[in-house]
Amino acid sequence: MTHTPLDPIISEFATQEEADAYDAWFRAKVEASLKDTRPTVPHDEAMARVREAIKAAAKKRA
């Protein structure tokens, strides 16, 4: 299998194959998210959850 190298200034991937694989993975994640029927979480609630997780992690390290 031939790998097509990419310019590191232009792409974060070493080869076109890596870029294509990431693109396929990302598109699958977006598609799954769009099909997800669970209720959404409001931004303020999501941020509160993140702040609590950060506090809990900080306590564990202390």
N, C-alpha and C. Protein backbone atom coordinates (compact mmCIF):
# COMPACT_ATOMS: atom_id res chain seq x y z
N MET A 1 0.85 -1.18 0.00
CA MET A 1 0.00 0.00 0.00
C MET A 1 0.89 1.24 0.00
N THR A 2 0.60 2.16 -0.88
CA THR A 2 1.35 3.40 -0.99
C THR A 2 0.72 4.46 -0.11
N HIS A 3 1.54 5.15 0.65
CA HIS A 3 1.05 6.23 1.49
C HIS A 3 1.46 7.56 0.86
N THR A 4 0.50 8.44 0.74
CA THR A 4 0.76 9.76 0.16
C THR A 4 1.12 10.73 1.27
N PRO A 5 2.39 11.15 1.35
CA PRO A 5 2.78 12.09 2.42
C PRO A 5 2.15 13.46 2.21
N LEU A 6 1.86 14.13 3.31
CA LEU A 6 1.29 15.47 3.27
C LEU A 6 2.28 16.47 3.87
N ASP A 7 2.19 17.70 3.42
CA ASP A 7 3.04 18.78 3.92
C ASP A 7 2.61 19.13 5.34
N PRO A 8 3.50 19.06 6.33
CA PRO A 8 3.12 19.35 7.72
C PRO A 8 2.68 20.80 7.95
N ILE A 9 3.03 21.68 7.03
CA ILE A 9 2.59 23.07 7.15
C ILE A 9 1.11 23.19 6.79
N ILE A 10 0.65 22.32 5.92
CA ILE A 10 -0.73 22.37 5.43
C ILE A 10 -1.65 21.43 6.20
N SER A 11 -1.16 20.28 6.63
CA SER A 11 -2.01 19.27 7.25
C SER A 11 -1.43 18.79 8.56
N GLU A 12 -2.31 18.46 9.50
CA GLU A 12 -1.86 17.90 10.77
C GLU A 12 -1.62 16.39 10.67
N PHE A 13 -1.94 15.80 9.52
CA PHE A 13 -1.78 14.36 9.31
C PHE A 13 -0.54 14.09 8.47
N ALA A 14 0.10 12.96 8.74
CA ALA A 14 1.32 12.61 8.01
C ALA A 14 1.02 12.15 6.59
N THR A 15 -0.12 11.47 6.40
CA THR A 15 -0.46 10.96 5.07
C THR A 15 -1.91 11.27 4.74
N GLN A 16 -2.21 11.20 3.45
CA GLN A 16 -3.58 11.40 3.00
C GLN A 16 -4.49 10.31 3.56
N GLU A 17 -3.95 9.11 3.71
CA GLU A 17 -4.74 8.00 4.26
C GLU A 17 -5.16 8.29 5.70
N GLU A 18 -4.24 8.85 6.49
CA GLU A 18 -4.59 9.23 7.86
C GLU A 18 -5.67 10.31 7.87
N ALA A 19 -5.55 11.28 6.98
CA ALA A 19 -6.54 12.35 6.89
C ALA A 19 -7.90 11.79 6.49
N ASP A 20 -7.92 10.88 5.53
CA ASP A 20 -9.17 10.27 5.08
C ASP A 20 -9.81 9.44 6.19
N ALA A 21 -8.99 8.70 6.94
CA ALA A 21 -9.52 7.88 8.03
C ALA A 21 -10.12 8.76 9.12
N TYR A 22 -9.45 9.86 9.44
CA TYR A 22 -9.98 10.78 10.45
C TYR A 22 -11.28 11.40 9.96
N ASP A 23 -11.33 11.80 8.70
CA ASP A 23 -12.53 12.39 8.13
C ASP A 23 -13.71 11.42 8.22
N ALA A 24 -13.48 10.15 7.90
CA ALA A 24 -14.54 9.14 7.98
C ALA A 24 -15.01 8.97 9.42
N TRP A 25 -14.07 8.91 10.36
CA TRP A 25 -14.42 8.76 11.78
C TRP A 25 -15.23 9.97 12.25
N PHE A 26 -14.77 11.18 11.89
CA PHE A 26 -15.44 12.40 12.33
C PHE A 26 -16.86 12.48 11.76
N ARG A 27 -17.01 12.16 10.49
CA ARG A 27 -18.34 12.19 9.86
C ARG A 27 -19.28 11.19 10.51
N ALA A 28 -18.76 10.02 10.89
CA ALA A 28 -19.59 9.02 11.57
C ALA A 28 -20.04 9.53 12.93
N LYS A 29 -19.15 10.20 13.66
CA LYS A 29 -19.51 10.77 14.96
C LYS A 29 -20.59 11.83 14.81
N VAL A 30 -20.45 12.72 13.82
CA VAL A 30 -21.44 13.77 13.59
C VAL A 30 -22.78 13.15 13.23
N GLU A 31 -22.78 12.16 12.35
CA GLU A 31 -24.01 11.49 11.94
C GLU A 31 -24.70 10.84 13.14
N ALA A 32 -23.92 10.17 13.99
CA ALA A 32 -24.49 9.54 15.18
C ALA A 32 -25.09 10.60 16.11
N SER A 33 -24.43 11.71 16.24
CA SER A 33 -24.92 12.79 17.09
C SER A 33 -26.22 13.36 16.56
N LEU A 34 -26.30 13.53 15.25
CA LEU A 34 -27.53 14.07 14.65
C LEU A 34 -28.71 13.12 14.81
N LYS A 35 -28.41 11.83 14.86
CA LYS A 35 -29.48 10.82 15.01
C LYS A 35 -29.85 10.57 16.47
N ASP A 36 -29.07 11.08 17.41
CA ASP A 36 -29.30 10.87 18.84
C ASP A 36 -30.61 11.52 19.25
N THR A 37 -31.49 10.75 19.85
CA THR A 37 -32.81 11.26 20.25
C THR A 37 -32.89 11.66 21.72
N ARG A 38 -31.79 11.53 22.44
CA ARG A 38 -31.82 11.94 23.84
C ARG A 38 -32.04 13.45 23.93
N PRO A 39 -32.67 13.92 25.02
CA PRO A 39 -32.88 15.37 25.16
C PRO A 39 -31.55 16.10 25.27
N THR A 40 -31.52 17.32 24.77
CA THR A 40 -30.30 18.12 24.83
C THR A 40 -30.11 18.67 26.24
N VAL A 41 -28.88 19.08 26.54
CA VAL A 41 -28.55 19.67 27.82
C VAL A 41 -28.29 21.14 27.58
N PRO A 42 -28.99 22.02 28.30
CA PRO A 42 -28.74 23.47 28.13
C PRO A 42 -27.28 23.81 28.46
N HIS A 43 -26.77 24.84 27.80
CA HIS A 43 -25.37 25.24 27.96
C HIS A 43 -25.01 25.49 29.42
N ASP A 44 -25.85 26.23 30.14
CA ASP A 44 -25.54 26.54 31.54
C ASP A 44 -25.41 25.28 32.38
N GLU A 45 -26.27 24.31 32.14
CA GLU A 45 -26.21 23.05 32.89
C GLU A 45 -24.94 22.27 32.52
N ALA A 46 -24.62 22.24 31.24
CA ALA A 46 -23.41 21.54 30.80
C ALA A 46 -22.18 22.16 31.45
N MET A 47 -22.12 23.50 31.47
CA MET A 47 -20.98 24.18 32.07
C MET A 47 -20.90 23.92 33.57
N ALA A 48 -22.05 23.86 34.24
CA ALA A 48 -22.06 23.56 35.67
C ALA A 48 -21.51 22.15 35.91
N ARG A 49 -21.87 21.20 35.07
CA ARG A 49 -21.36 19.84 35.19
C ARG A 49 -19.84 19.81 35.00
N VAL A 50 -19.35 20.56 34.02
CA VAL A 50 -17.91 20.61 33.77
C VAL A 50 -17.19 21.22 34.95
N ARG A 51 -17.72 22.32 35.49
CA ARG A 51 -17.08 22.95 36.65
C ARG A 51 -17.03 21.99 37.84
N GLU A 52 -18.09 21.22 38.05
CA GLU A 52 -18.11 20.24 39.15
C GLU A 52 -17.07 19.15 38.91
N ALA A 53 -16.93 18.69 37.68
CA ALA A 53 -15.94 17.67 37.35
C ALA A 53 -14.53 18.20 37.60
N ILE A 54 -14.29 19.45 37.25
CA ILE A 54 -12.97 20.07 37.47
C ILE A 54 -12.69 20.18 38.97
N LYS A 55 -13.69 20.60 39.74
CA LYS A 55 -13.52 20.70 41.19
C LYS A 55 -13.20 19.33 41.80
N ALA A 56 -13.94 18.31 41.37
CA ALA A 56 -13.73 16.95 41.89
C ALA A 56 -12.32 16.46 41.56
N ALA A 57 -11.87 16.73 40.35
CA ALA A 57 -10.53 16.31 39.95
C ALA A 57 -9.47 17.05 40.76
N ALA A 58 -9.68 18.33 41.02
CA ALA A 58 -8.74 19.11 41.81
C ALA A 58 -8.66 18.59 43.24
N LYS A 59 -9.81 18.21 43.80
CA LYS A 59 -9.84 17.67 45.17
C LYS A 59 -9.07 16.35 45.23
N LYS A 60 -9.22 15.52 44.19
CA LYS A 60 -8.52 14.23 44.18
C LYS A 60 -7.01 14.43 44.16
N ARG A 61 -6.57 15.46 43.46
CA ARG A 61 -5.12 15.72 43.36
C ARG A 61 -4.57 16.34 44.61
N ALA A 62 -5.39 17.02 45.38
CA ALA A 62 -4.93 17.73 46.58
C ALA A 62 -4.62 16.80 47.73
